[in-house]
Amino acid sequence: MRFNNHEERIKVFGGSKQFAFRGLIKCGQCGAMFTAQEKFKKLKSGDYNRHVYYSCTRRIDPSCQERYINEIELCQMLQKFIEQNYDVIKITDKLRAKTEKHYQVTKTLMEHYKFDKKLDTPFIEYSRYILSRGTEAERTAYANGITTKLKIKNGIILLI
């Protein structure tokens, strides 16, 4: 996301920081929760780019070696993980309803426009949408709807 100035960033994100995947993942090295932080890079044009990084809080082991992960990379990792493990990931009824609704809308549009492609499961299709194009609020609701506990160890997402 780009901003013309720091004040514009504050208007969009406000003073309190909310991160979509905070609370979803634990550190596979030490067992502490993952947290997030944002960084802003000023571009030559004067705009700002926002970057979010997730990392171990290091509350259990202050010298934990688990590396930081960029939010974009985390979304890609989550998508791959979900595609491989969708059948064992537990989700809330609310998230399941959203996945089913998204699936039906997608299927209807594809039929209407005569687009011949087989869809994956509703959870996989919804995950692809949310993790690639979803808003911060949609991603937060999505992450809150995953009840299976996940961890990152050596840069790889695993089930707890």
C-alpha atoms as a PDB file:
ATOM      1  CA  MET A   1       0.000   0.000   0.000  1.00  0.00           C
ATOM      2  CA  ARG A   2       1.357   3.413  -0.854  1.00  0.00           C
ATOM      3  CA  PHE A   3       0.869   6.676   1.003  1.00  0.00           C
ATOM      4  CA  ASN A   4       1.698  10.230   0.027  1.00  0.00           C
ATOM      5  CA  ASN A   5       2.836  11.093   3.552  1.00  0.00           C
ATOM      6  CA  HIS A   6       3.094   9.820   7.090  1.00  0.00           C
ATOM      7  CA  GLU A   7      -0.148  11.549   8.120  1.00  0.00           C
ATOM      8  CA  GLU A   8      -2.034   9.672   5.396  1.00  0.00           C
ATOM      9  CA  ARG A   9      -0.661   6.400   6.785  1.00  0.00           C
ATOM     10  CA  ILE A  10      -1.942   7.327  10.248  1.00  0.00           C
ATOM     11  CA  LYS A  11      -5.416   8.020   8.801  1.00  0.00           C
ATOM     12  CA  VAL A  12      -5.535   4.562   7.208  1.00  0.00           C
ATOM     13  CA  PHE A  13      -3.966   2.485   9.975  1.00  0.00           C
ATOM     14  CA  GLY A  14      -4.571   4.685  12.985  1.00  0.00           C
ATOM     15  CA  GLY A  15      -2.526   4.695  16.136  1.00  0.00           C
ATOM     16  CA  SER A  16      -3.169   1.093  17.176  1.00  0.00           C
ATOM     17  CA  LYS A  17      -1.598  -1.575  15.078  1.00  0.00           C
ATOM     18  CA  GLN A  18      -3.594  -4.607  14.074  1.00  0.00           C
ATOM     19  CA  PHE A  19      -1.999  -7.478  12.196  1.00  0.00           C
ATOM     20  CA  ALA A  20      -4.017 -10.193  10.480  1.00  0.00           C
ATOM     21  CA  PHE A  21      -1.975 -13.248  11.419  1.00  0.00           C
ATOM     22  CA  ARG A  22      -0.860 -12.280  14.926  1.00  0.00           C
ATOM     23  CA  GLY A  23      -1.959 -15.010  17.326  1.00  0.00           C
ATOM     24  CA  LEU A  24      -2.273 -17.672  14.608  1.00  0.00           C
ATOM     25  CA  ILE A  25       1.299 -18.954  14.661  1.00  0.00           C
ATOM     26  CA  LYS A  26       3.742 -20.079  17.336  1.00  0.00           C
ATOM     27  CA  CYS A  27       7.499 -20.331  17.040  1.00  0.00           C
ATOM     28  CA  GLY A  28       8.627 -23.876  16.323  1.00  0.00           C
ATOM     29  CA  GLN A  29      12.024 -23.188  17.864  1.00  0.00           C
ATOM     30  CA  CYS A  30      11.093 -21.972  21.355  1.00  0.00           C
ATOM     31  CA  GLY A  31       7.275 -22.129  21.563  1.00  0.00           C
ATOM     32  CA  ALA A  32       6.623 -18.389  21.942  1.00  0.00           C
ATOM     33  CA  MET A  33       3.917 -16.698  19.891  1.00  0.00           C
ATOM     34  CA  PHE A  34       4.688 -14.896  16.655  1.00  0.00           C
ATOM     35  CA  THR A  35       4.058 -11.165  16.563  1.00  0.00           C
ATOM     36  CA  ALA A  36       4.253  -8.544  13.839  1.00  0.00           C
ATOM     37  CA  GLN A  37       5.703  -5.141  13.182  1.00  0.00           C
ATOM     38  CA  GLU A  38       5.366  -2.699  10.340  1.00  0.00           C
ATOM     39  CA  LYS A  39       8.020  -0.685   8.592  1.00  0.00           C
ATOM     40  CA  PHE A  40       7.543   2.191   6.198  1.00  0.00           C
ATOM     41  CA  LYS A  41       9.943   2.919   3.400  1.00  0.00           C
ATOM     42  CA  LYS A  42       9.893   6.347   1.830  1.00  0.00           C
ATOM     43  CA  LEU A  43      10.145   6.187  -1.938  1.00  0.00           C
ATOM     44  CA  LYS A  44      11.879   8.697  -4.202  1.00  0.00           C
ATOM     45  CA  SER A  45       8.440   9.862  -5.288  1.00  0.00           C
ATOM     46  CA  GLY A  46       7.653  10.823  -1.693  1.00  0.00           C
ATOM     47  CA  ASP A  47       5.156   7.974  -1.280  1.00  0.00           C
ATOM     48  CA  TYR A  48       5.513   5.373   1.458  1.00  0.00           C
ATOM     49  CA  ASN A  49       5.454   1.595   1.126  1.00  0.00           C
ATOM     50  CA  ARG A  50       4.202  -0.384   4.115  1.00  0.00           C
ATOM     51  CA  HIS A  51       5.923  -3.681   4.931  1.00  0.00           C
ATOM     52  CA  VAL A  52       4.784  -6.069   7.657  1.00  0.00           C
ATOM     53  CA  TYR A  53       7.140  -8.618   9.200  1.00  0.00           C
ATOM     54  CA  TYR A  54       6.220 -11.504  11.489  1.00  0.00           C
ATOM     55  CA  SER A  55       8.656 -12.959  14.012  1.00  0.00           C
ATOM     56  CA  CYS A  56       8.992 -14.831  17.280  1.00  0.00           C
ATOM     57  CA  THR A  57       8.312 -12.633  20.326  1.00  0.00           C
ATOM     58  CA  ARG A  58      11.367 -14.267  21.988  1.00  0.00           C
ATOM     59  CA  ARG A  59       9.536 -14.223  25.335  1.00  0.00           C
ATOM     60  CA  ILE A  60      10.486 -17.826  26.065  1.00  0.00           C
ATOM     61  CA  ASP A  61      13.991 -17.774  24.596  1.00  0.00           C
ATOM     62  CA  PRO A  62      15.485 -14.293  24.114  1.00  0.00           C
ATOM     63  CA  SER A  63      18.145 -15.776  21.820  1.00  0.00           C
ATOM     64  CA  CYS A  64      15.672 -17.678  19.581  1.00  0.00           C
ATOM     65  CA  GLN A  65      17.036 -17.959  16.041  1.00  0.00           C
ATOM     66  CA  GLU A  66      13.738 -18.180  14.102  1.00  0.00           C
ATOM     67  CA  ARG A  67      13.931 -15.619  11.311  1.00  0.00           C
ATOM     68  CA  TYR A  68      11.552 -12.796  10.408  1.00  0.00           C
ATOM     69  CA  ILE A  69       9.016 -13.447   7.636  1.00  0.00           C
ATOM     70  CA  ASN A  70       7.562 -10.775   5.354  1.00  0.00           C
ATOM     71  CA  GLU A  71       3.738 -10.809   5.301  1.00  0.00           C
ATOM     72  CA  ILE A  72       3.698 -11.446   1.542  1.00  0.00           C
ATOM     73  CA  GLU A  73       5.974 -14.460   1.999  1.00  0.00           C
ATOM     74  CA  LEU A  74       3.842 -15.637   4.934  1.00  0.00           C
ATOM     75  CA  CYS A  75       0.694 -15.504   2.782  1.00  0.00           C
ATOM     76  CA  GLN A  76       2.407 -17.598   0.098  1.00  0.00           C
ATOM     77  CA  MET A  77       3.609 -20.091   2.704  1.00  0.00           C
ATOM     78  CA  LEU A  78       0.125 -20.303   4.255  1.00  0.00           C
ATOM     79  CA  GLN A  79      -1.454 -20.906   0.853  1.00  0.00           C
ATOM     80  CA  LYS A  80       0.922 -23.747   0.048  1.00  0.00           C
ATOM     81  CA  PHE A  81       0.412 -25.222   3.528  1.00  0.00           C
ATOM     82  CA  ILE A  82      -3.385 -25.040   3.223  1.00  0.00           C
ATOM     83  CA  GLU A  83      -3.361 -26.647  -0.216  1.00  0.00           C
ATOM     84  CA  GLN A  84      -1.369 -29.569   1.226  1.00  0.00           C
ATOM     85  CA  ASN A  85      -3.196 -29.862   4.571  1.00  0.00           C
ATOM     86  CA  TYR A  86      -6.743 -28.551   4.022  1.00  0.00           C
ATOM     87  CA  ASP A  87      -8.275 -31.840   5.157  1.00  0.00           C
ATOM     88  CA  VAL A  88      -6.784 -31.653   8.683  1.00  0.00           C
ATOM     89  CA  ILE A  89      -7.127 -27.904   9.311  1.00  0.00           C
ATOM     90  CA  LYS A  90     -10.033 -27.086  11.610  1.00  0.00           C
ATOM     91  CA  ILE A  91     -12.032 -23.914  11.023  1.00  0.00           C
ATOM     92  CA  THR A  92     -14.968 -22.218  12.725  1.00  0.00           C
ATOM     93  CA  ASP A  93     -18.511 -22.534  11.405  1.00  0.00           C
ATOM     94  CA  LYS A  94     -18.431 -18.819  10.535  1.00  0.00           C
ATOM     95  CA  LEU A  95     -15.336 -19.246   8.340  1.00  0.00           C
ATOM     96  CA  ARG A  96     -16.813 -22.404   6.799  1.00  0.00           C
ATOM     97  CA  ALA A  97     -19.952 -20.425   5.843  1.00  0.00           C
ATOM     98  CA  LYS A  98     -17.784 -17.735   4.212  1.00  0.00           C
ATOM     99  CA  THR A  99     -15.826 -20.358   2.268  1.00  0.00           C
ATOM    100  CA  GLU A 100     -19.027 -21.994   1.019  1.00  0.00           C
ATOM    101  CA  LYS A 101     -20.549 -18.663  -0.022  1.00  0.00           C
ATOM    102  CA  HIS A 102     -17.369 -17.636  -1.862  1.00  0.00           C
ATOM    103  CA  TYR A 103     -17.250 -21.044  -3.567  1.00  0.00           C
ATOM    104  CA  GLN A 104     -20.852 -20.799  -4.789  1.00  0.00           C
ATOM    105  CA  VAL A 105     -20.383 -17.262  -6.118  1.00  0.00           C
ATOM    106  CA  THR A 106     -17.168 -18.253  -7.894  1.00  0.00           C
ATOM    107  CA  LYS A 107     -18.794 -21.370  -9.363  1.00  0.00           C
ATOM    108  CA  THR A 108     -21.828 -19.390 -10.561  1.00  0.00           C
ATOM    109  CA  LEU A 109     -19.663 -16.738 -12.230  1.00  0.00           C
ATOM    110  CA  MET A 110     -17.519 -19.362 -13.910  1.00  0.00           C
ATOM    111  CA  GLU A 111     -20.615 -21.121 -15.267  1.00  0.00           C
ATOM    112  CA  HIS A 112     -22.143 -17.830 -16.411  1.00  0.00           C
ATOM    113  CA  TYR A 113     -19.027 -16.838 -18.347  1.00  0.00           C
ATOM    114  CA  LYS A 114     -18.524 -20.404 -19.566  1.00  0.00           C
ATOM    115  CA  PHE A 115     -15.099 -20.634 -17.978  1.00  0.00           C
ATOM    116  CA  ASP A 116     -14.233 -24.311 -17.850  1.00  0.00           C
ATOM    117  CA  LYS A 117     -11.975 -24.931 -14.878  1.00  0.00           C
ATOM    118  CA  LYS A 118     -12.355 -27.368 -12.012  1.00  0.00           C
ATOM    119  CA  LEU A 119     -12.390 -25.645  -8.632  1.00  0.00           C
ATOM    120  CA  ASP A 120     -10.568 -26.993  -5.588  1.00  0.00           C
ATOM    121  CA  THR A 121     -12.302 -27.342  -2.225  1.00  0.00           C
ATOM    122  CA  PRO A 122     -14.160 -24.282  -0.903  1.00  0.00           C
ATOM    123  CA  PHE A 123     -11.513 -23.709   1.802  1.00  0.00           C
ATOM    124  CA  ILE A 124      -8.651 -23.768  -0.706  1.00  0.00           C
ATOM    125  CA  GLU A 125     -10.435 -21.429  -3.125  1.00  0.00           C
ATOM    126  CA  TYR A 126     -11.358 -18.961  -0.372  1.00  0.00           C
ATOM    127  CA  SER A 127      -7.811 -19.096   0.994  1.00  0.00           C
ATOM    128  CA  ARG A 128      -6.412 -18.250  -2.435  1.00  0.00           C
ATOM    129  CA  TYR A 129      -8.669 -15.221  -2.627  1.00  0.00           C
ATOM    130  CA  ILE A 130      -8.053 -13.939   0.916  1.00  0.00           C
ATOM    131  CA  LEU A 131      -4.296 -14.528   0.956  1.00  0.00           C
ATOM    132  CA  SER A 132      -3.721 -12.893  -2.431  1.00  0.00           C
ATOM    133  CA  ARG A 133      -6.362 -10.136  -2.604  1.00  0.00           C
ATOM    134  CA  GLY A 134      -8.100  -9.887   0.762  1.00  0.00           C
ATOM    135  CA  THR A 135      -8.240  -6.742   2.852  1.00  0.00           C
ATOM    136  CA  GLU A 136      -6.594  -6.523   6.279  1.00  0.00           C
ATOM    137  CA  ALA A 137     -10.014  -7.011   7.917  1.00  0.00           C
ATOM    138  CA  GLU A 138     -10.799 -10.048   5.731  1.00  0.00           C
ATOM    139  CA  ARG A 139      -7.412 -11.582   6.505  1.00  0.00           C
ATOM    140  CA  THR A 140      -7.898 -10.980  10.226  1.00  0.00           C
ATOM    141  CA  ALA A 141     -11.335 -12.664  10.183  1.00  0.00           C
ATOM    142  CA  TYR A 142      -9.864 -15.512   8.129  1.00  0.00           C
ATOM    143  CA  ALA A 143      -6.966 -16.065  10.572  1.00  0.00           C
ATOM    144  CA  ASN A 144      -9.338 -15.887  13.550  1.00  0.00           C
ATOM    145  CA  GLY A 145     -11.445 -18.606  11.904  1.00  0.00           C
ATOM    146  CA  ILE A 146      -8.598 -21.128  11.785  1.00  0.00           C
ATOM    147  CA  THR A 147      -8.660 -23.091  15.029  1.00  0.00           C
ATOM    148  CA  THR A 148      -5.855 -25.529  14.225  1.00  0.00           C
ATOM    149  CA  LYS A 149      -2.661 -24.451  15.922  1.00  0.00           C
ATOM    150  CA  LEU A 150       0.261 -23.746  13.595  1.00  0.00           C
ATOM    151  CA  LYS A 151       3.964 -23.168  14.118  1.00  0.00           C
ATOM    152  CA  ILE A 152       6.860 -21.969  12.018  1.00  0.00           C
ATOM    153  CA  LYS A 153      10.149 -23.777  12.401  1.00  0.00           C
ATOM    154  CA  ASN A 154      13.136 -22.968  10.213  1.00  0.00           C
ATOM    155  CA  GLY A 155      10.877 -20.939   7.933  1.00  0.00           C
ATOM    156  CA  ILE A 156       8.383 -23.799   7.383  1.00  0.00           C
ATOM    157  CA  ILE A 157       4.757 -23.885   8.579  1.00  0.00           C
ATOM    158  CA  LEU A 158       3.855 -27.022  10.509  1.00  0.00           C
ATOM    159  CA  LEU A 159       0.921 -28.354  12.543  1.00  0.00           C
ATOM    160  CA  ILE A 160       1.322 -28.302  16.320  1.00  0.00           C
END
